[in-house]
ModelCIF file with pLDDT and N, C-alpha, C, O atoms, coordinates in Angstrom:
data_MODEL
#
_entry.id   MODEL 
#
_entity.id                         1 
_entity.type                       polymer 
_entity.pdbx_number_of_molecules   1 
#
_entity_poly.entity_id                      1 
_entity_poly.type                           'polypeptide(L)' 
_entity_poly.nstd_linkage                   no 
_entity_poly.nstd_monomer                   no 
_entity_poly.pdbx_seq_one_letter_code       GDSTVAAVEGRHVLAIQDTSEIHFNTTPQRRRGLGEIGKGN 
_entity_poly.pdbx_seq_one_letter_code_can   GDSTVAAVEGRHVLAIQDTSEIHFNTTPQRRRGLGEIGKGN 
_entity_poly.pdbx_strand_id                 A 
#
loop_
_entity_poly_seq.entity_id 
_entity_poly_seq.num 
_entity_poly_seq.mon_id 
_entity_poly_seq.hetero 
1 1  GLY n 
1 2  ASP n 
1 3  SER n 
1 4  THR n 
1 5  VAL n 
1 6  ALA n 
1 7  ALA n 
1 8  VAL n 
1 9  GLU n 
1 10 GLY n 
1 11 ARG n 
1 12 HIS n 
1 13 VAL n 
1 14 LEU n 
1 15 ALA n 
1 16 ILE n 
1 17 GLN n 
1 18 ASP n 
1 19 THR n 
1 20 SER n 
1 21 GLU n 
1 22 ILE n 
1 23 HIS n 
1 24 PHE n 
1 25 ASN n 
1 26 THR n 
1 27 THR n 
1 28 PRO n 
1 29 GLN n 
1 30 ARG n 
1 31 ARG n 
1 32 ARG n 
1 33 GLY n 
1 34 LEU n 
1 35 GLY n 
1 36 GLU n 
1 37 ILE n 
1 38 GLY n 
1 39 LYS n 
1 40 GLY n 
1 41 ASN n 
#
_struct_asym.id          A 
_struct_asym.entity_id   1 
#
loop_
_ma_qa_metric.id 
_ma_qa_metric.mode 
_ma_qa_metric.name 
_ma_qa_metric.software_group_id 
_ma_qa_metric.type 
1 global pLDDT . pLDDT 
2 local  pLDDT . pLDDT 
#
_ma_qa_metric_global.metric_id      1 
_ma_qa_metric_global.metric_value   83.85 
_ma_qa_metric_global.model_id       1 
_ma_qa_metric_global.ordinal_id     1 
#
loop_
_ma_qa_metric_local.label_asym_id 
_ma_qa_metric_local.label_comp_id 
_ma_qa_metric_local.label_seq_id 
_ma_qa_metric_local.metric_id 
_ma_qa_metric_local.metric_value 
_ma_qa_metric_local.model_id 
_ma_qa_metric_local.ordinal_id 
A GLY 1  2 86.00 1 1  
A ASP 2  2 86.00 1 2  
A SER 3  2 83.00 1 3  
A THR 4  2 91.00 1 4  
A VAL 5  2 88.00 1 5  
A ALA 6  2 88.00 1 6  
A ALA 7  2 90.00 1 7  
A VAL 8  2 92.00 1 8  
A GLU 9  2 91.00 1 9  
A GLY 10 2 93.00 1 10 
A ARG 11 2 94.00 1 11 
A HIS 12 2 96.00 1 12 
A VAL 13 2 95.00 1 13 
A LEU 14 2 95.00 1 14 
A ALA 15 2 94.00 1 15 
A ILE 16 2 94.00 1 16 
A GLN 17 2 93.00 1 17 
A ASP 18 2 89.00 1 18 
A THR 19 2 88.00 1 19 
A SER 20 2 85.00 1 20 
A GLU 21 2 84.00 1 21 
A ILE 22 2 83.00 1 22 
A HIS 23 2 82.00 1 23 
A PHE 24 2 80.00 1 24 
A ASN 25 2 79.00 1 25 
A THR 26 2 78.00 1 26 
A THR 27 2 79.00 1 27 
A PRO 28 2 76.00 1 28 
A GLN 29 2 77.00 1 29 
A ARG 30 2 77.00 1 30 
A ARG 31 2 74.00 1 31 
A ARG 32 2 74.00 1 32 
A GLY 33 2 74.00 1 33 
A LEU 34 2 81.00 1 34 
A GLY 35 2 79.00 1 35 
A GLU 36 2 81.00 1 36 
A ILE 37 2 80.00 1 37 
A GLY 38 2 75.00 1 38 
A LYS 39 2 73.00 1 39 
A GLY 40 2 68.00 1 40 
A ASN 41 2 73.00 1 41 
#
loop_
_atom_site.group_PDB 
_atom_site.id 
_atom_site.type_symbol 
_atom_site.label_atom_id 
_atom_site.label_alt_id 
_atom_site.label_comp_id 
_atom_site.label_asym_id 
_atom_site.label_entity_id 
_atom_site.label_seq_id 
_atom_site.pdbx_PDB_ins_code 
_atom_site.Cartn_x 
_atom_site.Cartn_y 
_atom_site.Cartn_z 
_atom_site.occupancy 
_atom_site.B_iso_or_equiv 
_atom_site.pdbx_formal_charge 
_atom_site.auth_seq_id 
_atom_site.auth_comp_id 
_atom_site.auth_asym_id 
_atom_site.auth_atom_id 
_atom_site.pdbx_PDB_model_num 
ATOM 1   N N  . GLY A 1 1  ? 109.638 -4.833  89.509  1.00 86.00 ? 1  GLY A N  1 
ATOM 2   C CA . GLY A 1 1  ? 109.416 -3.896  88.417  1.00 86.00 ? 1  GLY A CA 1 
ATOM 3   C C  . GLY A 1 1  ? 110.180 -4.221  87.150  1.00 86.00 ? 1  GLY A C  1 
ATOM 4   O O  . GLY A 1 1  ? 109.828 -3.730  86.077  1.00 86.00 ? 1  GLY A O  1 
ATOM 5   N N  . ASP A 1 2  ? 111.219 -5.038  87.250  1.00 86.00 ? 2  ASP A N  1 
ATOM 6   C CA . ASP A 1 2  ? 112.057 -5.323  86.085  1.00 86.00 ? 2  ASP A CA 1 
ATOM 7   C C  . ASP A 1 2  ? 111.250 -5.853  84.900  1.00 86.00 ? 2  ASP A C  1 
ATOM 8   O O  . ASP A 1 2  ? 111.392 -5.351  83.786  1.00 86.00 ? 2  ASP A O  1 
ATOM 9   N N  . SER A 1 3  ? 110.417 -6.847  85.124  1.00 83.00 ? 3  SER A N  1 
ATOM 10  C CA . SER A 1 3  ? 109.640 -7.411  84.021  1.00 83.00 ? 3  SER A CA 1 
ATOM 11  C C  . SER A 1 3  ? 108.397 -6.575  83.700  1.00 83.00 ? 3  SER A C  1 
ATOM 12  O O  . SER A 1 3  ? 107.854 -6.677  82.600  1.00 83.00 ? 3  SER A O  1 
ATOM 13  N N  . THR A 1 4  ? 107.951 -5.764  84.633  1.00 91.00 ? 4  THR A N  1 
ATOM 14  C CA . THR A 1 4  ? 106.756 -4.957  84.424  1.00 91.00 ? 4  THR A CA 1 
ATOM 15  C C  . THR A 1 4  ? 107.045 -3.763  83.525  1.00 91.00 ? 4  THR A C  1 
ATOM 16  O O  . THR A 1 4  ? 106.152 -3.289  82.823  1.00 91.00 ? 4  THR A O  1 
ATOM 17  N N  . VAL A 1 5  ? 108.269 -3.276  83.537  1.00 88.00 ? 5  VAL A N  1 
ATOM 18  C CA . VAL A 1 5  ? 108.634 -2.100  82.746  1.00 88.00 ? 5  VAL A CA 1 
ATOM 19  C C  . VAL A 1 5  ? 108.291 -2.306  81.267  1.00 88.00 ? 5  VAL A C  1 
ATOM 20  O O  . VAL A 1 5  ? 107.717 -1.416  80.639  1.00 88.00 ? 5  VAL A O  1 
ATOM 21  N N  . ALA A 1 6  ? 108.629 -3.444  80.715  1.00 88.00 ? 6  ALA A N  1 
ATOM 22  C CA . ALA A 1 6  ? 108.330 -3.723  79.306  1.00 88.00 ? 6  ALA A CA 1 
ATOM 23  C C  . ALA A 1 6  ? 106.826 -3.804  79.070  1.00 88.00 ? 6  ALA A C  1 
ATOM 24  O O  . ALA A 1 6  ? 106.348 -3.383  78.017  1.00 88.00 ? 6  ALA A O  1 
ATOM 25  N N  . ALA A 1 7  ? 106.081 -4.330  80.019  1.00 90.00 ? 7  ALA A N  1 
ATOM 26  C CA . ALA A 1 7  ? 104.632 -4.490  79.859  1.00 90.00 ? 7  ALA A CA 1 
ATOM 27  C C  . ALA A 1 7  ? 103.895 -3.157  79.868  1.00 90.00 ? 7  ALA A C  1 
ATOM 28  O O  . ALA A 1 7  ? 102.840 -3.042  79.244  1.00 90.00 ? 7  ALA A O  1 
ATOM 29  N N  . VAL A 1 8  ? 104.420 -2.148  80.556  1.00 92.00 ? 8  VAL A N  1 
ATOM 30  C CA . VAL A 1 8  ? 103.718 -0.865  80.660  1.00 92.00 ? 8  VAL A CA 1 
ATOM 31  C C  . VAL A 1 8  ? 104.079 0.097   79.526  1.00 92.00 ? 8  VAL A C  1 
ATOM 32  O O  . VAL A 1 8  ? 103.398 1.103   79.327  1.00 92.00 ? 8  VAL A O  1 
ATOM 33  N N  . GLU A 1 9  ? 105.128 -0.202  78.795  1.00 91.00 ? 9  GLU A N  1 
ATOM 34  C CA . GLU A 1 9  ? 105.601 0.707   77.749  1.00 91.00 ? 9  GLU A CA 1 
ATOM 35  C C  . GLU A 1 9  ? 104.503 1.007   76.724  1.00 91.00 ? 9  GLU A C  1 
ATOM 36  O O  . GLU A 1 9  ? 103.911 0.098   76.143  1.00 91.00 ? 9  GLU A O  1 
ATOM 37  N N  . GLY A 1 10 ? 104.246 2.300   76.517  1.00 93.00 ? 10 GLY A N  1 
ATOM 38  C CA . GLY A 1 10 ? 103.279 2.752   75.532  1.00 93.00 ? 10 GLY A CA 1 
ATOM 39  C C  . GLY A 1 10 ? 101.821 2.648   75.960  1.00 93.00 ? 10 GLY A C  1 
ATOM 40  O O  . GLY A 1 10 ? 100.930 2.904   75.151  1.00 93.00 ? 10 GLY A O  1 
ATOM 41  N N  . ARG A 1 11 ? 101.562 2.288   77.182  1.00 94.00 ? 11 ARG A N  1 
ATOM 42  C CA . ARG A 1 11 ? 100.181 2.137   77.669  1.00 94.00 ? 11 ARG A CA 1 
ATOM 43  C C  . ARG A 1 11 ? 99.832  3.248   78.657  1.00 94.00 ? 11 ARG A C  1 
ATOM 44  O O  . ARG A 1 11 ? 100.708 3.850   79.278  1.00 94.00 ? 11 ARG A O  1 
ATOM 45  N N  . HIS A 1 12 ? 98.546  3.500   78.782  1.00 96.00 ? 12 HIS A N  1 
ATOM 46  C CA . HIS A 1 12 ? 98.029  4.365   79.845  1.00 96.00 ? 12 HIS A CA 1 
ATOM 47  C C  . HIS A 1 12 ? 97.865  3.454   81.059  1.00 96.00 ? 12 HIS A C  1 
ATOM 48  O O  . HIS A 1 12 ? 97.054  2.528   81.046  1.00 96.00 ? 12 HIS A O  1 
ATOM 49  N N  . VAL A 1 13 ? 98.644  3.727   82.109  1.00 95.00 ? 13 VAL A N  1 
ATOM 50  C CA . VAL A 1 13 ? 98.742  2.800   83.238  1.00 95.00 ? 13 VAL A CA 1 
ATOM 51  C C  . VAL A 1 13 ? 98.257  3.451   84.525  1.00 95.00 ? 13 VAL A C  1 
ATOM 52  O O  . VAL A 1 13 ? 98.543  4.618   84.794  1.00 95.00 ? 13 VAL A O  1 
ATOM 53  N N  . LEU A 1 14 ? 97.528  2.687   85.306  1.00 95.00 ? 14 LEU A N  1 
ATOM 54  C CA . LEU A 1 14 ? 97.164  3.085   86.662  1.00 95.00 ? 14 LEU A CA 1 
ATOM 55  C C  . LEU A 1 14 ? 98.093  2.354   87.625  1.00 95.00 ? 14 LEU A C  1 
ATOM 56  O O  . LEU A 1 14 ? 98.298  1.148   87.489  1.00 95.00 ? 14 LEU A O  1 
ATOM 57  N N  . ALA A 1 15 ? 98.646  3.060   88.581  1.00 94.00 ? 15 ALA A N  1 
ATOM 58  C CA . ALA A 1 15 ? 99.471  2.451   89.622  1.00 94.00 ? 15 ALA A CA 1 
ATOM 59  C C  . ALA A 1 15 ? 98.617  2.396   90.884  1.00 94.00 ? 15 ALA A C  1 
ATOM 60  O O  . ALA A 1 15 ? 98.255  3.431   91.443  1.00 94.00 ? 15 ALA A O  1 
ATOM 61  N N  . ILE A 1 16 ? 98.303  1.196   91.323  1.00 94.00 ? 16 ILE A N  1 
ATOM 62  C CA . ILE A 1 16 ? 97.385  0.991   92.443  1.00 94.00 ? 16 ILE A CA 1 
ATOM 63  C C  . ILE A 1 16 ? 98.154  0.389   93.616  1.00 94.00 ? 16 ILE A C  1 
ATOM 64  O O  . ILE A 1 16 ? 98.852  -0.613  93.459  1.00 94.00 ? 16 ILE A O  1 
ATOM 65  N N  . GLN A 1 17 ? 98.024  1.003   94.791  1.00 93.00 ? 17 GLN A N  1 
ATOM 66  C CA . GLN A 1 17 ? 98.698  0.528   95.998  1.00 93.00 ? 17 GLN A CA 1 
ATOM 67  C C  . GLN A 1 17 ? 97.661  0.039   96.990  1.00 93.00 ? 17 GLN A C  1 
ATOM 68  O O  . GLN A 1 17 ? 96.594  0.636   97.127  1.00 93.00 ? 17 GLN A O  1 
ATOM 69  N N  . ASP A 1 18 ? 97.971  -1.035  97.672  1.00 89.00 ? 18 ASP A N  1 
ATOM 70  C CA . ASP A 1 18 ? 97.089  -1.565  98.695  1.00 89.00 ? 18 ASP A CA 1 
ATOM 71  C C  . ASP A 1 18 ? 97.956  -2.096  99.834  1.00 89.00 ? 18 ASP A C  1 
ATOM 72  O O  . ASP A 1 18 ? 99.180  -2.149  99.717  1.00 89.00 ? 18 ASP A O  1 
ATOM 73  N N  . THR A 1 19 ? 97.332  -2.481  100.908 1.00 88.00 ? 19 THR A N  1 
ATOM 74  C CA . THR A 1 19 ? 98.048  -3.034  102.047 1.00 88.00 ? 19 THR A CA 1 
ATOM 75  C C  . THR A 1 19 ? 97.515  -4.420  102.357 1.00 88.00 ? 19 THR A C  1 
ATOM 76  O O  . THR A 1 19 ? 96.304  -4.631  102.404 1.00 88.00 ? 19 THR A O  1 
ATOM 77  N N  . SER A 1 20 ? 98.420  -5.360  102.569 1.00 85.00 ? 20 SER A N  1 
ATOM 78  C CA . SER A 1 20 ? 98.061  -6.717  102.975 1.00 85.00 ? 20 SER A CA 1 
ATOM 79  C C  . SER A 1 20 ? 98.766  -7.033  104.283 1.00 85.00 ? 20 SER A C  1 
ATOM 80  O O  . SER A 1 20 ? 99.951  -6.744  104.446 1.00 85.00 ? 20 SER A O  1 
ATOM 81  N N  . GLU A 1 21 ? 98.028  -7.628  105.214 1.00 84.00 ? 21 GLU A N  1 
ATOM 82  C CA . GLU A 1 21 ? 98.622  -8.107  106.456 1.00 84.00 ? 21 GLU A CA 1 
ATOM 83  C C  . GLU A 1 21 ? 99.013  -9.556  106.235 1.00 84.00 ? 21 GLU A C  1 
ATOM 84  O O  . GLU A 1 21 ? 98.168  -10.390 105.908 1.00 84.00 ? 21 GLU A O  1 
ATOM 85  N N  . ILE A 1 22 ? 100.292 -9.857  106.414 1.00 83.00 ? 22 ILE A N  1 
ATOM 86  C CA . ILE A 1 22 ? 100.781 -11.219 106.273 1.00 83.00 ? 22 ILE A CA 1 
ATOM 87  C C  . ILE A 1 22 ? 101.011 -11.758 107.676 1.00 83.00 ? 22 ILE A C  1 
ATOM 88  O O  . ILE A 1 22 ? 101.967 -11.379 108.352 1.00 83.00 ? 22 ILE A O  1 
ATOM 89  N N  . HIS A 1 23 ? 100.128 -12.642 108.101 1.00 82.00 ? 23 HIS A N  1 
ATOM 90  C CA . HIS A 1 23 ? 100.148 -13.172 109.465 1.00 82.00 ? 23 HIS A CA 1 
ATOM 91  C C  . HIS A 1 23 ? 100.940 -14.472 109.492 1.00 82.00 ? 23 HIS A C  1 
ATOM 92  O O  . HIS A 1 23 ? 100.767 -15.330 108.626 1.00 82.00 ? 23 HIS A O  1 
ATOM 93  N N  . PHE A 1 24 ? 101.815 -14.615 110.497 1.00 80.00 ? 24 PHE A N  1 
ATOM 94  C CA . PHE A 1 24 ? 102.579 -15.833 110.690 1.00 80.00 ? 24 PHE A CA 1 
ATOM 95  C C  . PHE A 1 24 ? 102.191 -16.450 112.020 1.00 80.00 ? 24 PHE A C  1 
ATOM 96  O O  . PHE A 1 24 ? 102.221 -15.781 113.053 1.00 80.00 ? 24 PHE A O  1 
ATOM 97  N N  . ASN A 1 25 ? 101.827 -17.730 111.998 1.00 79.00 ? 25 ASN A N  1 
ATOM 98  C CA . ASN A 1 25 ? 101.586 -18.447 113.248 1.00 79.00 ? 25 ASN A CA 1 
ATOM 99  C C  . ASN A 1 25 ? 102.942 -18.681 113.885 1.00 79.00 ? 25 ASN A C  1 
ATOM 100 O O  . ASN A 1 25 ? 103.786 -19.382 113.328 1.00 79.00 ? 25 ASN A O  1 
ATOM 101 N N  . THR A 1 26 ? 103.146 -18.097 115.047 1.00 78.00 ? 26 THR A N  1 
ATOM 102 C CA . THR A 1 26 ? 104.455 -18.167 115.676 1.00 78.00 ? 26 THR A CA 1 
ATOM 103 C C  . THR A 1 26 ? 104.309 -18.116 117.181 1.00 78.00 ? 26 THR A C  1 
ATOM 104 O O  . THR A 1 26 ? 103.227 -17.862 117.709 1.00 78.00 ? 26 THR A O  1 
ATOM 105 N N  . THR A 1 27 ? 105.397 -18.357 117.852 1.00 79.00 ? 27 THR A N  1 
ATOM 106 C CA . THR A 1 27 ? 105.441 -18.266 119.310 1.00 79.00 ? 27 THR A CA 1 
ATOM 107 C C  . THR A 1 27 ? 106.341 -17.100 119.686 1.00 79.00 ? 27 THR A C  1 
ATOM 108 O O  . THR A 1 27 ? 107.121 -16.640 118.853 1.00 79.00 ? 27 THR A O  1 
ATOM 109 N N  . PRO A 1 28 ? 106.254 -16.611 120.914 1.00 76.00 ? 28 PRO A N  1 
ATOM 110 C CA . PRO A 1 28 ? 107.125 -15.500 121.321 1.00 76.00 ? 28 PRO A CA 1 
ATOM 111 C C  . PRO A 1 28 ? 108.613 -15.788 121.124 1.00 76.00 ? 28 PRO A C  1 
ATOM 112 O O  . PRO A 1 28 ? 109.390 -14.868 120.868 1.00 76.00 ? 28 PRO A O  1 
ATOM 113 N N  . GLN A 1 29 ? 109.017 -17.053 121.241 1.00 77.00 ? 29 GLN A N  1 
ATOM 114 C CA . GLN A 1 29 ? 110.418 -17.401 121.084 1.00 77.00 ? 29 GLN A CA 1 
ATOM 115 C C  . GLN A 1 29 ? 110.867 -17.410 119.616 1.00 77.00 ? 29 GLN A C  1 
ATOM 116 O O  . GLN A 1 29 ? 112.066 -17.388 119.340 1.00 77.00 ? 29 GLN A O  1 
ATOM 117 N N  . ARG A 1 30 ? 109.922 -17.442 118.679 1.00 77.00 ? 30 ARG A N  1 
ATOM 118 C CA . ARG A 1 30 ? 110.272 -17.573 117.260 1.00 77.00 ? 30 ARG A CA 1 
ATOM 119 C C  . ARG A 1 30 ? 109.755 -16.415 116.411 1.00 77.00 ? 30 ARG A C  1 
ATOM 120 O O  . ARG A 1 30 ? 109.473 -16.612 115.228 1.00 77.00 ? 30 ARG A O  1 
ATOM 121 N N  . ARG A 1 31 ? 109.626 -15.246 116.961 1.00 74.00 ? 31 ARG A N  1 
ATOM 122 C CA . ARG A 1 31 ? 109.061 -14.102 116.230 1.00 74.00 ? 31 ARG A CA 1 
ATOM 123 C C  . ARG A 1 31 ? 110.028 -13.507 115.221 1.00 74.00 ? 31 ARG A C  1 
ATOM 124 O O  . ARG A 1 31 ? 109.588 -12.926 114.229 1.00 74.00 ? 31 ARG A O  1 
ATOM 125 N N  . ARG A 1 32 ? 111.320 -13.632 115.440 1.00 74.00 ? 32 ARG A N  1 
ATOM 126 C CA . ARG A 1 32 ? 112.364 -13.172 114.517 1.00 74.00 ? 32 ARG A CA 1 
ATOM 127 C C  . ARG A 1 32 ? 112.090 -11.782 113.955 1.00 74.00 ? 32 ARG A C  1 
ATOM 128 O O  . ARG A 1 32 ? 112.216 -11.561 112.751 1.00 74.00 ? 32 ARG A O  1 
ATOM 129 N N  . GLY A 1 33 ? 111.719 -10.856 114.813 1.00 74.00 ? 33 GLY A N  1 
ATOM 130 C CA . GLY A 1 33 ? 111.538 -9.473  114.378 1.00 74.00 ? 33 GLY A CA 1 
ATOM 131 C C  . GLY A 1 33 ? 110.190 -9.156  113.766 1.00 74.00 ? 33 GLY A C  1 
ATOM 132 O O  . GLY A 1 33 ? 109.985 -8.038  113.293 1.00 74.00 ? 33 GLY A O  1 
ATOM 133 N N  . LEU A 1 34 ? 109.263 -10.102 113.760 1.00 81.00 ? 34 LEU A N  1 
ATOM 134 C CA . LEU A 1 34 ? 107.940 -9.809  113.230 1.00 81.00 ? 34 LEU A CA 1 
ATOM 135 C C  . LEU A 1 34 ? 107.245 -8.814  114.150 1.00 81.00 ? 34 LEU A C  1 
ATOM 136 O O  . LEU A 1 34 ? 107.384 -8.889  115.371 1.00 81.00 ? 34 LEU A O  1 
ATOM 137 N N  . GLY A 1 35 ? 106.507 -7.894  113.572 1.00 79.00 ? 35 GLY A N  1 
ATOM 138 C CA . GLY A 1 35 ? 105.820 -6.880  114.360 1.00 79.00 ? 35 GLY A CA 1 
ATOM 139 C C  . GLY A 1 35 ? 104.379 -7.250  114.639 1.00 79.00 ? 35 GLY A C  1 
ATOM 140 O O  . GLY A 1 35 ? 103.843 -8.203  114.074 1.00 79.00 ? 35 GLY A O  1 
ATOM 141 N N  . GLU A 1 36 ? 103.767 -6.489  115.513 1.00 81.00 ? 36 GLU A N  1 
ATOM 142 C CA . GLU A 1 36 ? 102.355 -6.693  115.795 1.00 81.00 ? 36 GLU A CA 1 
ATOM 143 C C  . GLU A 1 36 ? 101.542 -6.154  114.628 1.00 81.00 ? 36 GLU A C  1 
ATOM 144 O O  . GLU A 1 36 ? 101.815 -5.068  114.116 1.00 81.00 ? 36 GLU A O  1 
ATOM 145 N N  . ILE A 1 37 ? 100.545 -6.919  114.215 1.00 80.00 ? 37 ILE A N  1 
ATOM 146 C CA . ILE A 1 37 ? 99.646  -6.481  113.144 1.00 80.00 ? 37 ILE A CA 1 
ATOM 147 C C  . ILE A 1 37 ? 98.212  -6.672  113.613 1.00 80.00 ? 37 ILE A C  1 
ATOM 148 O O  . ILE A 1 37 ? 97.959  -7.243  114.674 1.00 80.00 ? 37 ILE A O  1 
ATOM 149 N N  . GLY A 1 38 ? 97.294  -6.192  112.816 1.00 75.00 ? 38 GLY A N  1 
ATOM 150 C CA . GLY A 1 38 ? 95.888  -6.272  113.198 1.00 75.00 ? 38 GLY A CA 1 
ATOM 151 C C  . GLY A 1 38 ? 95.652  -5.396  114.405 1.00 75.00 ? 38 GLY A C  1 
ATOM 152 O O  . GLY A 1 38 ? 96.041  -4.228  114.418 1.00 75.00 ? 38 GLY A O  1 
ATOM 153 N N  . LYS A 1 39 ? 95.029  -5.944  115.403 1.00 73.00 ? 39 LYS A N  1 
ATOM 154 C CA . LYS A 1 39 ? 94.765  -5.204  116.627 1.00 73.00 ? 39 LYS A CA 1 
ATOM 155 C C  . LYS A 1 39 ? 95.801  -5.531  117.688 1.00 73.00 ? 39 LYS A C  1 
ATOM 156 O O  . LYS A 1 39 ? 95.547  -5.411  118.886 1.00 73.00 ? 39 LYS A O  1 
ATOM 157 N N  . GLY A 1 40 ? 96.983  -5.950  117.222 1.00 68.00 ? 40 GLY A N  1 
ATOM 158 C CA . GLY A 1 40 ? 98.067  -6.268  118.141 1.00 68.00 ? 40 GLY A CA 1 
ATOM 159 C C  . GLY A 1 40 ? 98.045  -7.689  118.640 1.00 68.00 ? 40 GLY A C  1 
ATOM 160 O O  . GLY A 1 40 ? 98.887  -8.074  119.452 1.00 68.00 ? 40 GLY A O  1 
ATOM 161 N N  . ASN A 1 41 ? 97.077  -8.497  118.159 1.00 73.00 ? 41 ASN A N  1 
ATOM 162 C CA . ASN A 1 41 ? 96.979  -9.872  118.639 1.00 73.00 ? 41 ASN A CA 1 
ATOM 163 C C  . ASN A 1 41 ? 97.592  -10.883 117.665 1.00 73.00 ? 41 ASN A C  1 
ATOM 164 O O  . ASN A 1 41 ? 97.584  -12.084 117.935 1.00 73.00 ? 41 ASN A O  1 
#
């Protein structure tokens, strides 16, 4: 948000939120706290 603050000043702004699933190819031994996403697969 630091650089965006100056860009929004004085404008009529829409704040849009979405969700992205970031999938990592990994093995059970290297999950490092990654959670299940999608349908758990």
